[in-house]
Amino acid sequence: MKKKFLLLLFLITAVVSLPSQAQFKGYKVKGGLQFGPALFFSEFDDRGFSFNGRGFIAIELGRYFDLEIGGGFVRIKGSDGTYNPADEEFTTQLIPIDLRLRIEPFKFKTVNPYFYIGGGVMHYDVTDTTSVNVAAPSGQGPTQSGWTGFIPAGIGMEFKLGKQALFDVNLGVAYTFTDNLNYFVVDNFKDCYTYLNVGLTLTGSSGPTDTDRDGLTDDYEEQIGTDPNNPDTDGDGLKDGEEVNAYKTDPLNPDTDGDGLKDGEEVRTYSTNPLNPDTDGDGLRDGEEVNTYATNPNNADTDGDGLSDGAEVREYATDPLNRDSDGDTLTDGEEVLTYRTNPLNRDTDAGGVDDGTEVRRGTDPLNPADDVEKIEIGTVIILEGINFEKGKATITMDSEEILRTGALKTMEDNPEIVVEISGHTDSDGSDSYNQQLSQDRANSVKQWLVEHGINGDRIETVGYGEDKPIAPNDTPENKLKNRRIEFKRIR
């Protein structure tokens, strides 16, 4: 008996000496004491009050499992009235030692339900026997003391009492491998007992609990409203701990800066600032740049044209992905900032010459009067794009705009000049036919100019036929070049 109490005293001392920092998980080691009534099941139907106590130490195996070792003391009492009219009482003392696996599948803030099953050994000592045992019908008589194996199983619940302790209540059964606990043996029968225990558990101080391993303690997550069982409460691709400790973002808001990108996308995919809706300061939110305009949210001027992406989209309606929106060879930034031209109109002054050409030759892209260059005597200009109906001298409708912005404007802007309009053909057809066709076409151009206000005395015409090619007449492309109208100042 002395050894039994020494064992129980050792367990109590070990539990009480544990540092106090109560928590369901993250404790690494914890221990406690439990006491309560027990109910013995044997061949005898009459049961007296039985008592049990147990101490244990547990270690954490993972998020859902604990391993627990414990030992205790159980005193069971009963009477043999089922078999003995004298109804004598027996008393048995038990010292169970077991190893249990605790399963904790649920995670609540203040309670921790669990299941357990295990195995162990038990010393039993029937201190008070009854006379009926002597006459027990068994092939092998009972023993008064000894060791047996047993299986404990049950359910329980832990409750937080604060930061230093847990209250534990559990209901279980201990099924033994012997029929000797009441000093009465019946073949094929094994004794067992059930128990209802309550107790106090103290946890080891191994640091705060971080159930979801997101870098924040469960207590802190409860304070700020995040889910201690979900490492990424707002589902933005960043752990709650990263948001709070590293990036200072809101772990409850997947898009802290409201720019249309999740915080995780900003950090891991686009390297933008999850706290700044416009990382590059170009006037467009990061989400607009990525999802709408396909611009670079880290480069204020994605196409490098001298205008910020926001200015292109919101002020000038230019293409932030195209340096030269109107294709006039000037960048959008040059047009807006340097030349004050329209970046959406290749010929801002509508003078017939695009802005880029005017800038390169030194004329004013905002003044249509200087679009047609002053031409010297002998200067030849090929009026490209002047087309006639096939085999005829009739000018096509699409050629009139070229005449209007080219030859007509030149004659209007230079009233002192006299020009020669010459017609040319390729080598197809006879010489005489080609000469006459070229003459007729030159005359048609003159007639068009006269009809549009030019004095006919300022225009001479000549048809050269195929005599003055500018390319060999060996391919369709070269023949097209040779079929032309030339405009030359002669006085």
Protein backbone atom coordinates (compact mmCIF):
# COMPACT_ATOMS: atom_id res chain seq x y z
CA MET A 1 0.00 0.00 0.00
CA LYS A 2 2.86 2.38 0.78
CA LYS A 3 4.25 1.92 -2.75
CA LYS A 4 0.86 2.74 -4.23
CA PHE A 5 0.61 6.05 -2.41
CA LEU A 6 4.21 6.91 -3.29
CA LEU A 7 3.36 6.40 -6.98
CA LEU A 8 0.30 8.61 -6.71
CA LEU A 9 2.29 11.27 -4.83
CA PHE A 10 4.91 11.26 -7.61
CA LEU A 11 2.25 11.87 -10.26
CA ILE A 12 0.71 14.70 -8.26
CA THR A 13 4.12 16.33 -7.75
CA ALA A 14 4.95 16.09 -11.47
CA VAL A 15 1.68 17.71 -12.48
CA VAL A 16 1.77 20.52 -9.95
CA SER A 17 5.36 21.40 -10.87
CA LEU A 18 4.40 22.14 -14.53
CA PRO A 19 4.55 25.84 -15.48
CA SER A 20 1.12 27.38 -15.86
CA GLN A 21 0.12 28.74 -19.27
CA ALA A 22 -3.11 27.04 -20.26
CA GLN A 23 -3.96 26.40 -23.90
CA PHE A 24 -5.52 23.63 -25.98
CA LYS A 25 -2.63 23.42 -28.45
CA GLY A 26 0.98 24.50 -28.58
CA TYR A 27 1.65 23.52 -24.98
CA LYS A 28 4.06 20.64 -25.86
CA VAL A 29 3.52 19.13 -22.38
CA LYS A 30 0.70 19.33 -19.87
CA GLY A 31 -0.54 17.40 -16.88
CA GLY A 32 -3.45 17.13 -14.51
CA LEU A 33 -5.35 15.36 -11.77
CA GLN A 34 -8.83 13.87 -12.09
CA PHE A 35 -11.25 12.37 -9.58
CA GLY A 36 -14.71 10.89 -9.65
CA PRO A 37 -17.03 7.96 -9.03
CA ALA A 38 -16.58 4.56 -10.64
CA LEU A 39 -19.11 1.84 -11.40
CA PHE A 40 -17.90 -1.77 -11.33
CA PHE A 41 -19.35 -4.45 -13.65
CA SER A 42 -18.91 -8.14 -12.72
CA GLU A 43 -20.93 -11.29 -12.07
CA PHE A 44 -22.41 -9.58 -9.00
CA ASP A 45 -25.37 -7.29 -9.54
CA ASP A 46 -25.03 -5.49 -6.21
CA ARG A 47 -22.56 -2.58 -6.49
CA GLY A 48 -21.34 -0.28 -3.77
CA PHE A 49 -19.81 3.19 -4.05
CA SER A 50 -16.51 3.09 -5.88
CA PHE A 51 -13.97 5.86 -6.20
CA ASN A 52 -11.12 6.57 -8.62
CA GLY A 53 -8.40 9.16 -9.06
CA ARG A 54 -5.86 9.62 -11.82
CA GLY A 55 -2.90 11.79 -12.72
CA PHE A 56 -1.39 12.17 -16.15
CA ILE A 57 1.18 13.90 -18.30
CA ALA A 58 0.50 14.52 -22.02
CA ILE A 59 2.62 15.62 -24.94
CA GLU A 60 1.41 17.17 -28.18
CA LEU A 61 1.82 14.99 -31.29
CA GLY A 62 0.25 17.37 -33.77
CA ARG A 63 -2.78 19.44 -34.50
CA TYR A 64 -5.26 16.65 -33.76
CA PHE A 65 -3.45 14.19 -31.49
CA ASP A 66 -1.97 14.03 -27.99
CA LEU A 67 -0.14 11.17 -26.31
CA GLU A 68 -0.94 10.76 -22.65
CA ILE A 69 0.62 8.59 -19.93
CA GLY A 70 -1.04 8.29 -16.57
CA GLY A 71 -1.62 6.30 -13.46
CA GLY A 72 -4.04 6.32 -10.59
CA PHE A 73 -5.87 4.58 -7.81
CA VAL A 74 -9.31 2.92 -7.91
CA ARG A 75 -11.24 1.40 -5.03
CA ILE A 76 -14.20 -0.72 -6.00
CA LYS A 77 -16.78 -2.17 -3.65
CA GLY A 78 -19.71 -4.52 -4.07
CA SER A 79 -21.56 -7.47 -2.60
CA ASP A 80 -22.04 -11.08 -3.65
CA GLY A 81 -25.80 -11.11 -3.13
CA THR A 82 -26.31 -12.48 -6.62
CA TYR A 83 -24.79 -15.80 -5.50
CA ASN A 84 -24.82 -15.57 -1.69
CA PRO A 85 -27.93 -15.01 0.45
CA ALA A 86 -25.63 -13.66 3.15
CA ASP A 87 -24.86 -10.74 0.81
CA GLU A 88 -21.26 -10.27 1.90
CA GLU A 89 -19.19 -7.29 0.70
CA PHE A 90 -15.86 -7.29 -1.13
CA THR A 91 -13.32 -4.49 -1.65
CA THR A 92 -10.66 -4.29 -4.34
CA GLN A 93 -7.91 -1.72 -4.83
CA LEU A 94 -6.54 -1.07 -8.33
CA ILE A 95 -3.43 0.74 -9.57
CA PRO A 96 -3.92 1.32 -13.32
CA ILE A 97 -1.07 2.61 -15.49
CA ASP A 98 -1.90 3.36 -19.11
CA LEU A 99 -0.87 5.06 -22.34
CA ARG A 100 -3.64 6.85 -24.23
CA LEU A 101 -3.99 8.43 -27.65
CA ARG A 102 -6.21 11.49 -27.47
CA ILE A 103 -7.99 12.55 -30.65
CA GLU A 104 -9.13 16.19 -30.85
CA PRO A 105 -10.96 16.66 -34.19
CA PHE A 106 -12.75 19.91 -33.33
CA LYS A 107 -11.32 23.37 -32.72
CA PHE A 108 -13.35 25.76 -30.61
CA LYS A 109 -12.26 28.87 -28.77
CA THR A 110 -13.14 27.94 -25.19
CA VAL A 111 -13.86 24.20 -25.25
CA ASN A 112 -11.94 21.23 -26.58
CA PRO A 113 -13.91 17.98 -27.06
CA TYR A 114 -11.85 14.82 -27.42
CA PHE A 115 -11.94 11.04 -27.70
CA TYR A 116 -9.36 8.62 -26.38
CA ILE A 117 -8.34 4.99 -26.48
CA GLY A 118 -5.29 3.27 -25.11
CA GLY A 119 -3.80 0.33 -23.33
CA GLY A 120 -2.11 -0.39 -20.04
CA VAL A 121 -1.44 -2.65 -17.10
CA MET A 122 -3.21 -2.76 -13.78
CA HIS A 123 -2.32 -4.14 -10.38
CA TYR A 124 -5.28 -5.44 -8.43
CA ASP A 125 -5.59 -6.46 -4.77
CA VAL A 126 -8.85 -7.87 -3.37
CA THR A 127 -8.50 -6.70 0.22
CA ASP A 128 -11.88 -7.96 1.42
CA THR A 129 -13.24 -11.23 -0.01
CA THR A 130 -16.53 -13.05 0.41
CA SER A 131 -17.09 -16.71 1.27
CA VAL A 132 -18.96 -17.40 -1.96
CA ASN A 133 -15.70 -17.27 -3.86
CA VAL A 134 -14.63 -20.58 -2.36
CA ALA A 135 -17.52 -22.34 -4.07
CA ALA A 136 -17.27 -20.53 -7.39
CA PRO A 137 -17.97 -22.84 -10.34
CA SER A 138 -14.79 -22.44 -12.34
CA GLY A 139 -12.20 -24.63 -13.88
CA GLN A 140 -9.53 -22.34 -12.38
CA GLY A 141 -9.91 -20.67 -9.04
CA PRO A 142 -9.60 -16.90 -8.49
CA THR A 143 -6.46 -15.07 -7.42
CA GLN A 144 -6.57 -12.39 -4.77
CA SER A 145 -3.93 -10.08 -6.28
CA GLY A 146 -1.88 -9.75 -9.42
CA TRP A 147 -1.42 -7.88 -12.70
CA THR A 148 -3.64 -7.68 -15.75
CA GLY A 149 -3.85 -5.74 -18.93
CA PHE A 150 -6.71 -3.38 -19.73
CA ILE A 151 -8.03 -1.05 -22.43
CA PRO A 152 -9.27 2.43 -21.49
CA ALA A 153 -11.57 4.31 -23.88
CA GLY A 154 -13.88 7.27 -23.58
CA ILE A 155 -14.82 10.85 -24.38
CA GLY A 156 -14.13 14.13 -22.66
CA MET A 157 -14.20 17.89 -22.80
CA GLU A 158 -11.73 20.56 -21.72
CA PHE A 159 -12.84 24.06 -20.74
CA LYS A 160 -10.60 27.08 -20.44
CA LEU A 161 -10.60 28.52 -16.96
CA GLY A 162 -8.37 31.39 -17.99
CA LYS A 163 -4.77 31.61 -19.04
CA GLN A 164 -3.45 29.20 -16.45
CA ALA A 165 -5.70 26.18 -16.23
CA LEU A 166 -8.15 23.89 -17.95
CA PHE A 167 -11.16 22.18 -16.42
CA ASP A 168 -11.54 18.60 -17.67
CA VAL A 169 -14.54 16.28 -17.53
CA ASN A 170 -14.48 12.84 -19.09
CA LEU A 171 -16.49 9.63 -19.19
CA GLY A 172 -14.80 6.32 -19.88
CA VAL A 173 -14.60 2.58 -19.46
CA ALA A 174 -11.69 0.36 -18.45
CA TYR A 175 -12.06 -3.14 -19.86
CA THR A 176 -9.72 -5.62 -18.16
CA PHE A 177 -8.38 -8.98 -19.29
CA THR A 178 -9.21 -10.73 -16.00
CA ASP A 179 -12.20 -11.95 -13.99
CA ASN A 180 -10.38 -11.77 -10.66
CA LEU A 181 -11.21 -8.22 -9.55
CA ASN A 182 -13.98 -9.46 -7.21
CA TYR A 183 -12.26 -12.76 -6.31
CA PHE A 184 -14.97 -14.63 -8.17
CA VAL A 185 -14.39 -16.33 -11.51
CA VAL A 186 -16.91 -17.35 -14.15
CA ASP A 187 -15.66 -18.78 -17.40
CA ASN A 188 -15.67 -16.36 -20.38
CA PHE A 189 -16.37 -13.29 -18.26
CA LYS A 190 -14.06 -10.27 -17.84
CA ASP A 191 -14.45 -7.55 -15.22
CA CYS A 192 -14.58 -3.85 -16.12
CA TYR A 193 -15.56 -0.53 -14.65
CA THR A 194 -16.77 2.84 -15.88
CA TYR A 195 -15.93 6.21 -14.43
CA LEU A 196 -16.88 9.86 -14.58
CA ASN A 197 -13.94 12.11 -13.77
CA VAL A 198 -13.50 15.83 -13.34
CA GLY A 199 -10.19 17.51 -12.84
CA LEU A 200 -7.75 20.34 -13.33
CA THR A 201 -5.13 20.44 -16.08
CA LEU A 202 -2.12 22.75 -16.19
CA THR A 203 -0.19 23.35 -19.38
CA GLY A 204 3.52 23.83 -19.96
CA SER A 205 4.72 27.30 -21.02
CA SER A 206 6.20 26.51 -24.42
CA GLY A 207 4.98 29.64 -26.13
CA PRO A 208 1.59 30.79 -27.35
CA THR A 209 -0.58 28.58 -29.51
CA ASP A 210 -0.61 29.06 -33.27
CA THR A 211 -3.08 26.40 -34.37
CA ASP A 212 -3.06 27.25 -38.08
CA ARG A 213 0.68 28.06 -38.09
CA ASP A 214 0.17 31.39 -39.82
CA GLY A 215 2.58 33.31 -37.62
CA LEU A 216 -0.06 34.73 -35.26
CA THR A 217 -1.05 33.28 -31.91
CA ASP A 218 -4.58 32.07 -31.48
CA ASP A 219 -5.14 34.64 -28.72
CA TYR A 220 -4.02 37.48 -30.97
CA GLU A 221 -6.17 36.20 -33.83
CA GLU A 222 -9.16 36.25 -31.50
CA GLN A 223 -8.35 39.87 -30.65
CA ILE A 224 -8.15 41.07 -34.27
CA GLY A 225 -10.98 38.88 -35.56
CA THR A 226 -9.08 36.48 -37.82
CA ASP A 227 -9.72 32.74 -37.88
CA PRO A 228 -7.14 30.88 -35.76
CA ASN A 229 -7.90 27.71 -37.71
CA ASN A 230 -7.36 29.28 -41.15
CA PRO A 231 -3.87 30.54 -42.02
CA ASP A 232 -5.32 32.89 -44.67
CA THR A 233 -8.55 34.26 -43.27
CA ASP A 234 -9.38 36.57 -46.17
CA GLY A 235 -8.16 34.18 -48.88
CA ASP A 236 -5.87 36.70 -50.55
CA GLY A 237 -2.85 34.41 -50.87
CA LEU A 238 -0.95 35.77 -47.86
CA LYS A 239 -0.87 34.17 -44.43
CA ASP A 240 -2.45 36.25 -41.69
CA GLY A 241 0.95 36.53 -40.01
CA GLU A 242 2.56 37.83 -43.19
CA GLU A 243 -0.14 40.45 -43.53
CA VAL A 244 0.18 41.67 -39.95
CA ASN A 245 3.93 41.37 -39.42
CA ALA A 246 5.53 41.79 -42.84
CA TYR A 247 3.25 43.75 -45.15
CA LYS A 248 1.01 45.62 -42.66
CA THR A 249 -2.04 44.73 -44.72
CA ASP A 250 -5.49 43.92 -43.38
CA PRO A 251 -5.82 40.14 -42.87
CA LEU A 252 -9.61 40.53 -43.01
CA ASN A 253 -9.62 42.32 -46.38
CA PRO A 254 -8.26 40.52 -49.46
CA ASP A 255 -7.62 43.88 -51.19
CA THR A 256 -6.36 46.22 -48.50
CA ASP A 257 -5.76 49.23 -50.75
CA GLY A 258 -8.87 48.65 -52.87
CA ASP A 259 -7.00 48.77 -56.17
CA GLY A 260 -8.59 45.68 -57.70
CA LEU A 261 -5.72 43.29 -56.97
CA LYS A 262 -5.59 40.90 -54.02
CA ASP A 263 -2.83 41.53 -51.52
CA GLY A 264 -1.25 38.19 -52.41
CA GLU A 265 -1.24 39.04 -56.12
CA GLU A 266 0.41 42.37 -55.41
CA VAL A 267 3.15 40.80 -53.30
CA ARG A 268 3.80 37.53 -55.10
CA THR A 269 2.83 38.16 -58.74
CA TYR A 270 3.16 41.85 -59.60
CA SER A 271 5.55 43.15 -56.90
CA THR A 272 3.28 46.13 -56.34
CA ASN A 273 2.58 47.81 -53.01
CA PRO A 274 -0.52 46.29 -51.37
CA LEU A 275 -0.91 49.46 -49.30
CA ASN A 276 -0.83 51.84 -52.28
CA PRO A 277 -3.58 51.62 -54.91
CA ASP A 278 -1.29 53.29 -57.47
CA THR A 279 2.18 51.89 -56.94
CA ASP A 280 3.89 53.75 -59.79
CA GLY A 281 1.95 56.97 -59.28
CA ASP A 282 0.80 57.23 -62.88
CA GLY A 283 -2.83 58.00 -62.10
CA LEU A 284 -4.11 54.48 -62.73
CA ARG A 285 -4.87 51.99 -59.97
CA ASP A 286 -2.74 48.85 -60.03
CA GLY A 287 -5.81 46.74 -60.78
CA GLU A 288 -6.73 48.94 -63.75
CA GLU A 289 -3.24 48.63 -65.15
CA VAL A 290 -3.16 44.84 -64.84
CA ASN A 291 -6.76 43.95 -65.64
CA THR A 292 -7.98 46.71 -67.97
CA TYR A 293 -5.13 48.41 -69.80
CA ALA A 294 -2.43 45.69 -69.59
CA THR A 295 0.12 48.33 -68.61
CA ASN A 296 2.94 47.85 -66.14
CA PRO A 297 1.81 48.85 -62.62
CA ASN A 298 5.46 49.41 -61.64
CA ASN A 299 6.25 51.70 -64.59
CA ALA A 300 4.50 55.05 -64.79
CA ASP A 301 5.15 55.24 -68.55
CA THR A 302 4.77 51.73 -69.90
CA ASP A 303 5.43 52.57 -73.56
CA GLY A 304 8.16 55.11 -72.80
CA ASP A 305 6.59 57.87 -74.87
CA GLY A 306 7.00 60.61 -72.28
CA LEU A 307 3.41 60.55 -71.03
CA SER A 308 2.33 58.67 -67.92
CA ASP A 309 -0.10 55.83 -68.42
CA GLY A 310 -2.75 57.73 -66.48
CA ALA A 311 -2.34 60.85 -68.61
CA GLU A 312 -2.66 58.80 -71.79
CA VAL A 313 -5.83 57.08 -70.58
CA ARG A 314 -7.57 59.92 -68.73
CA GLU A 315 -6.40 63.13 -70.47
CA TYR A 316 -5.32 62.41 -74.01
CA ALA A 317 -7.14 59.14 -74.85
CA THR A 318 -3.93 57.83 -76.40
CA ASP A 319 -2.74 54.25 -76.28
CA PRO A 320 -0.50 53.69 -73.23
CA LEU A 321 1.00 50.67 -74.98
CA ASN A 322 1.87 52.54 -78.22
CA ARG A 323 4.51 55.25 -78.22
CA ASP A 324 3.02 56.83 -81.35
CA SER A 325 -0.75 56.51 -81.21
CA ASP A 326 -1.45 58.27 -84.52
CA GLY A 327 1.54 56.86 -86.40
CA ASP A 328 3.03 60.21 -87.42
CA THR A 329 6.55 59.21 -86.18
CA LEU A 330 6.36 61.60 -83.24
CA THR A 331 5.93 60.03 -79.81
CA ASP A 332 2.78 60.96 -77.95
CA GLY A 333 4.89 62.78 -75.38
CA GLU A 334 6.67 64.85 -78.04
CA GLU A 335 3.36 65.85 -79.57
CA VAL A 336 1.82 66.91 -76.25
CA LEU A 337 4.82 68.36 -74.43
CA THR A 338 7.06 69.70 -77.18
CA TYR A 339 5.11 70.47 -80.35
CA ARG A 340 1.58 70.88 -78.89
CA THR A 341 0.21 68.76 -81.70
CA ASN A 342 -2.68 66.32 -81.43
CA PRO A 343 -1.30 62.85 -80.62
CA LEU A 344 -4.45 61.32 -82.11
CA ASN A 345 -4.22 63.18 -85.44
CA ARG A 346 -1.21 62.53 -87.63
CA ASP A 347 -1.77 65.86 -89.46
CA THR A 348 -2.81 68.24 -86.72
CA ASP A 349 -3.11 71.32 -88.93
CA ALA A 350 -4.80 69.35 -91.75
CA GLY A 351 -2.36 70.91 -94.16
CA GLY A 352 -1.69 67.70 -96.01
CA VAL A 353 1.65 66.87 -94.40
CA ASP A 354 1.87 64.73 -91.26
CA ASP A 355 3.24 66.20 -88.06
CA GLY A 356 6.42 64.12 -88.10
CA THR A 357 7.37 65.21 -91.59
CA GLU A 358 6.76 68.86 -90.75
CA VAL A 359 8.95 68.64 -87.66
CA ARG A 360 11.78 66.97 -89.56
CA ARG A 361 11.76 69.50 -92.39
CA GLY A 362 11.35 72.46 -90.07
CA THR A 363 7.82 73.60 -90.88
CA ASP A 364 5.15 74.30 -88.27
CA PRO A 365 2.85 71.30 -87.68
CA LEU A 366 0.26 73.72 -86.30
CA ASN A 367 0.21 75.92 -89.42
CA PRO A 368 -1.35 74.45 -92.57
CA ALA A 369 0.01 77.28 -94.73
CA ASP A 370 3.52 75.90 -94.75
CA ASP A 371 2.66 72.27 -95.37
CA VAL A 372 3.39 72.52 -99.13
CA GLU A 373 7.07 73.25 -99.51
CA LYS A 374 8.35 76.12 -101.63
CA ILE A 375 9.62 74.44 -104.74
CA GLU A 376 12.50 75.64 -106.86
CA ILE A 377 12.53 75.82 -110.67
CA GLY A 378 13.17 72.35 -112.05
CA THR A 379 11.95 70.57 -108.92
CA VAL A 380 9.99 67.45 -109.85
CA ILE A 381 7.26 66.04 -107.60
CA ILE A 382 5.70 62.67 -108.38
CA LEU A 383 2.03 62.79 -107.52
CA GLU A 384 1.79 59.29 -106.12
CA GLY A 385 -1.68 57.80 -105.89
CA ILE A 386 -3.19 59.63 -108.88
CA ASN A 387 -5.23 56.92 -110.58
CA PHE A 388 -7.28 56.85 -113.77
CA GLU A 389 -9.90 54.52 -115.08
CA LYS A 390 -8.31 51.64 -116.98
CA GLY A 391 -7.23 52.67 -120.49
CA LYS A 392 -8.77 56.13 -120.02
CA ALA A 393 -7.84 59.62 -118.86
CA THR A 394 -10.71 59.86 -116.37
CA ILE A 395 -9.45 60.65 -112.85
CA THR A 396 -10.84 58.32 -110.16
CA MET A 397 -12.67 59.74 -107.15
CA ASP A 398 -10.06 58.54 -104.68
CA SER A 399 -7.38 60.56 -106.51
CA GLU A 400 -9.09 63.90 -106.02
CA GLU A 401 -8.07 64.22 -102.36
CA ILE A 402 -4.42 63.74 -103.34
CA LEU A 403 -4.74 66.44 -106.00
CA ARG A 404 -6.48 68.73 -103.55
CA THR A 405 -3.83 68.47 -100.82
CA GLY A 406 -0.90 68.24 -103.20
CA ALA A 407 -0.98 69.95 -106.61
CA LEU A 408 -3.91 72.28 -105.93
CA LYS A 409 -2.54 73.49 -102.59
CA THR A 410 0.92 74.01 -104.07
CA MET A 411 -0.52 76.15 -106.87
CA GLU A 412 -2.65 78.12 -104.43
CA ASP A 413 0.19 78.69 -101.99
CA ASN A 414 2.64 79.64 -104.75
CA PRO A 415 0.68 81.91 -107.12
CA GLU A 416 3.81 83.01 -108.93
CA ILE A 417 4.89 79.64 -110.29
CA VAL A 418 4.26 78.00 -113.66
CA VAL A 419 4.35 74.23 -113.79
CA GLU A 420 4.53 71.39 -116.24
CA ILE A 421 2.30 68.41 -115.67
CA SER A 422 3.64 65.38 -117.49
CA GLY A 423 2.03 62.01 -118.06
CA HIS A 424 3.99 58.72 -118.20
CA THR A 425 3.06 55.11 -118.99
CA ASP A 426 4.66 51.68 -118.86
CA SER A 427 5.76 49.75 -121.96
CA ASP A 428 2.51 47.88 -122.50
CA GLY A 429 0.86 48.95 -125.80
CA SER A 430 2.23 50.80 -128.80
CA ASP A 431 4.39 53.88 -128.57
CA SER A 432 1.80 56.09 -130.19
CA TYR A 433 -0.98 54.79 -127.97
CA ASN A 434 1.04 55.32 -124.82
CA GLN A 435 2.12 58.80 -125.87
CA GLN A 436 -1.45 59.88 -126.53
CA LEU A 437 -2.75 58.26 -123.31
CA SER A 438 -0.12 60.03 -121.24
CA GLN A 439 -0.93 63.36 -122.90
CA ASP A 440 -4.63 62.92 -122.26
CA ARG A 441 -4.03 62.11 -118.60
CA ALA A 442 -1.82 65.15 -118.12
CA ASN A 443 -4.55 67.25 -119.69
CA SER A 444 -7.12 65.72 -117.32
CA VAL A 445 -5.07 66.79 -114.30
CA LYS A 446 -4.74 70.31 -115.73
CA GLN A 447 -8.46 70.45 -116.38
CA TRP A 448 -9.18 69.38 -112.78
CA LEU A 449 -6.94 72.15 -111.43
CA VAL A 450 -8.54 74.75 -113.70
CA GLU A 451 -11.96 73.64 -112.53
CA HIS A 452 -10.78 74.21 -108.97
CA GLY A 453 -9.65 77.79 -109.57
CA ILE A 454 -6.15 77.64 -111.02
CA ASN A 455 -5.41 79.81 -114.07
CA GLY A 456 -4.76 77.54 -117.04
CA ASP A 457 -1.95 79.84 -118.25
CA ARG A 458 0.11 78.64 -115.31
CA ILE A 459 -0.01 75.02 -116.43
CA GLU A 460 1.62 73.31 -119.38
CA THR A 461 1.09 69.64 -120.18
CA VAL A 462 3.10 67.04 -122.00
CA GLY A 463 2.75 63.31 -122.57
CA TYR A 464 5.98 61.30 -122.62
CA GLY A 465 4.40 57.91 -123.04
CA GLU A 466 6.90 55.19 -122.16
CA ASP A 467 10.00 57.25 -123.01
CA LYS A 468 11.00 58.23 -119.46
CA PRO A 469 10.67 55.18 -117.19
CA ILE A 470 11.93 55.44 -113.59
CA ALA A 471 12.18 51.65 -113.27
CA PRO A 472 12.64 48.70 -115.65
CA ASN A 473 9.34 47.52 -117.15
CA ASP A 474 10.04 43.94 -116.09
CA THR A 475 7.63 43.41 -113.19
CA PRO A 476 4.10 44.52 -112.38
CA GLU A 477 5.48 46.55 -109.49
CA ASN A 478 7.94 48.44 -111.67
CA LYS A 479 5.34 49.06 -114.35
CA LEU A 480 3.12 50.58 -111.67
CA LYS A 481 5.92 52.99 -110.78
CA ASN A 482 6.26 54.03 -114.42
CA ARG A 483 2.55 54.83 -114.74
CA ARG A 484 2.67 58.24 -113.08
CA ILE A 485 1.92 61.96 -113.16
CA GLU A 486 4.80 64.35 -112.46
CA PHE A 487 4.52 67.95 -111.33
CA LYS A 488 7.52 70.22 -112.18
CA ARG A 489 8.07 73.95 -111.76
CA ILE A 490 9.35 75.45 -115.03
CA ARG A 491 9.13 79.22 -114.21
